[in-house]
Amino acid sequence: MKRINVVYVLILDESEEKILMVQNKNHDNWSMSGGAAKQP
């Protein structure tokens, strides 16, 4: 199986006590922003 490195980021608005989430339409769920990371 080929290894794929991924990264995720947590974006927090402390004043509103909210975090940024992304809606995944293919799977009808929510997750943190992120994606595949290129190898140097």
C-alpha atoms as a PDB file:
ATOM      1  CA  MET A   1       0.000   0.000   0.000  1.00  0.00           C
ATOM      2  CA  LYS A   2       1.341   3.439  -0.945  1.00  0.00           C
ATOM      3  CA  ARG A   3       1.866   5.805   1.988  1.00  0.00           C
ATOM      4  CA  ILE A   4       0.226   9.236   1.721  1.00  0.00           C
ATOM      5  CA  ASN A   5       1.196  11.901   4.265  1.00  0.00           C
ATOM      6  CA  VAL A   6      -1.658  14.157   5.319  1.00  0.00           C
ATOM      7  CA  VAL A   7      -1.895  17.268   7.476  1.00  0.00           C
ATOM      8  CA  TYR A   8      -4.771  18.781   9.440  1.00  0.00           C
ATOM      9  CA  VAL A   9      -5.093  22.221  10.979  1.00  0.00           C
ATOM     10  CA  LEU A  10      -7.206  23.487  13.853  1.00  0.00           C
ATOM     11  CA  ILE A  11      -8.418  27.057  13.328  1.00  0.00           C
ATOM     12  CA  LEU A  12      -9.819  28.476  16.552  1.00  0.00           C
ATOM     13  CA  ASP A  13     -11.703  31.718  17.173  1.00  0.00           C
ATOM     14  CA  GLU A  14     -11.204  32.068  20.920  1.00  0.00           C
ATOM     15  CA  SER A  15     -13.414  35.153  21.226  1.00  0.00           C
ATOM     16  CA  GLU A  16     -16.420  33.276  19.796  1.00  0.00           C
ATOM     17  CA  GLU A  17     -15.343  29.817  21.082  1.00  0.00           C
ATOM     18  CA  LYS A  18     -15.702  28.345  17.587  1.00  0.00           C
ATOM     19  CA  ILE A  19     -13.547  26.153  15.338  1.00  0.00           C
ATOM     20  CA  LEU A  20     -13.518  25.937  11.546  1.00  0.00           C
ATOM     21  CA  MET A  21     -14.847  22.634  10.194  1.00  0.00           C
ATOM     22  CA  VAL A  22     -15.238  21.377   6.601  1.00  0.00           C
ATOM     23  CA  GLN A  23     -18.367  19.531   5.449  1.00  0.00           C
ATOM     24  CA  ASN A  24     -17.498  16.438   3.396  1.00  0.00           C
ATOM     25  CA  LYS A  25     -20.345  16.093   0.921  1.00  0.00           C
ATOM     26  CA  ASN A  26     -19.253  12.640  -0.310  1.00  0.00           C
ATOM     27  CA  HIS A  27     -19.552  11.123   3.176  1.00  0.00           C
ATOM     28  CA  ASP A  28     -22.064  13.561   4.774  1.00  0.00           C
ATOM     29  CA  ASN A  29     -19.839  14.338   7.763  1.00  0.00           C
ATOM     30  CA  TRP A  30     -17.615  17.114   9.138  1.00  0.00           C
ATOM     31  CA  SER A  31     -13.838  17.225   9.702  1.00  0.00           C
ATOM     32  CA  MET A  32     -10.948  19.619  10.268  1.00  0.00           C
ATOM     33  CA  SER A  33      -9.352  21.374   7.300  1.00  0.00           C
ATOM     34  CA  GLY A  34      -6.502  19.408   5.776  1.00  0.00           C
ATOM     35  CA  GLY A  35      -5.236  17.359   2.887  1.00  0.00           C
ATOM     36  CA  ALA A  36      -2.338  15.517   1.328  1.00  0.00           C
ATOM     37  CA  ALA A  37       1.153  16.881   1.996  1.00  0.00           C
ATOM     38  CA  LYS A  38       3.834  16.974  -0.711  1.00  0.00           C
ATOM     39  CA  GLN A  39       7.143  15.253  -0.007  1.00  0.00           C
ATOM     40  CA  PRO A  40      10.176  17.596  -0.104  1.00  0.00           C
END
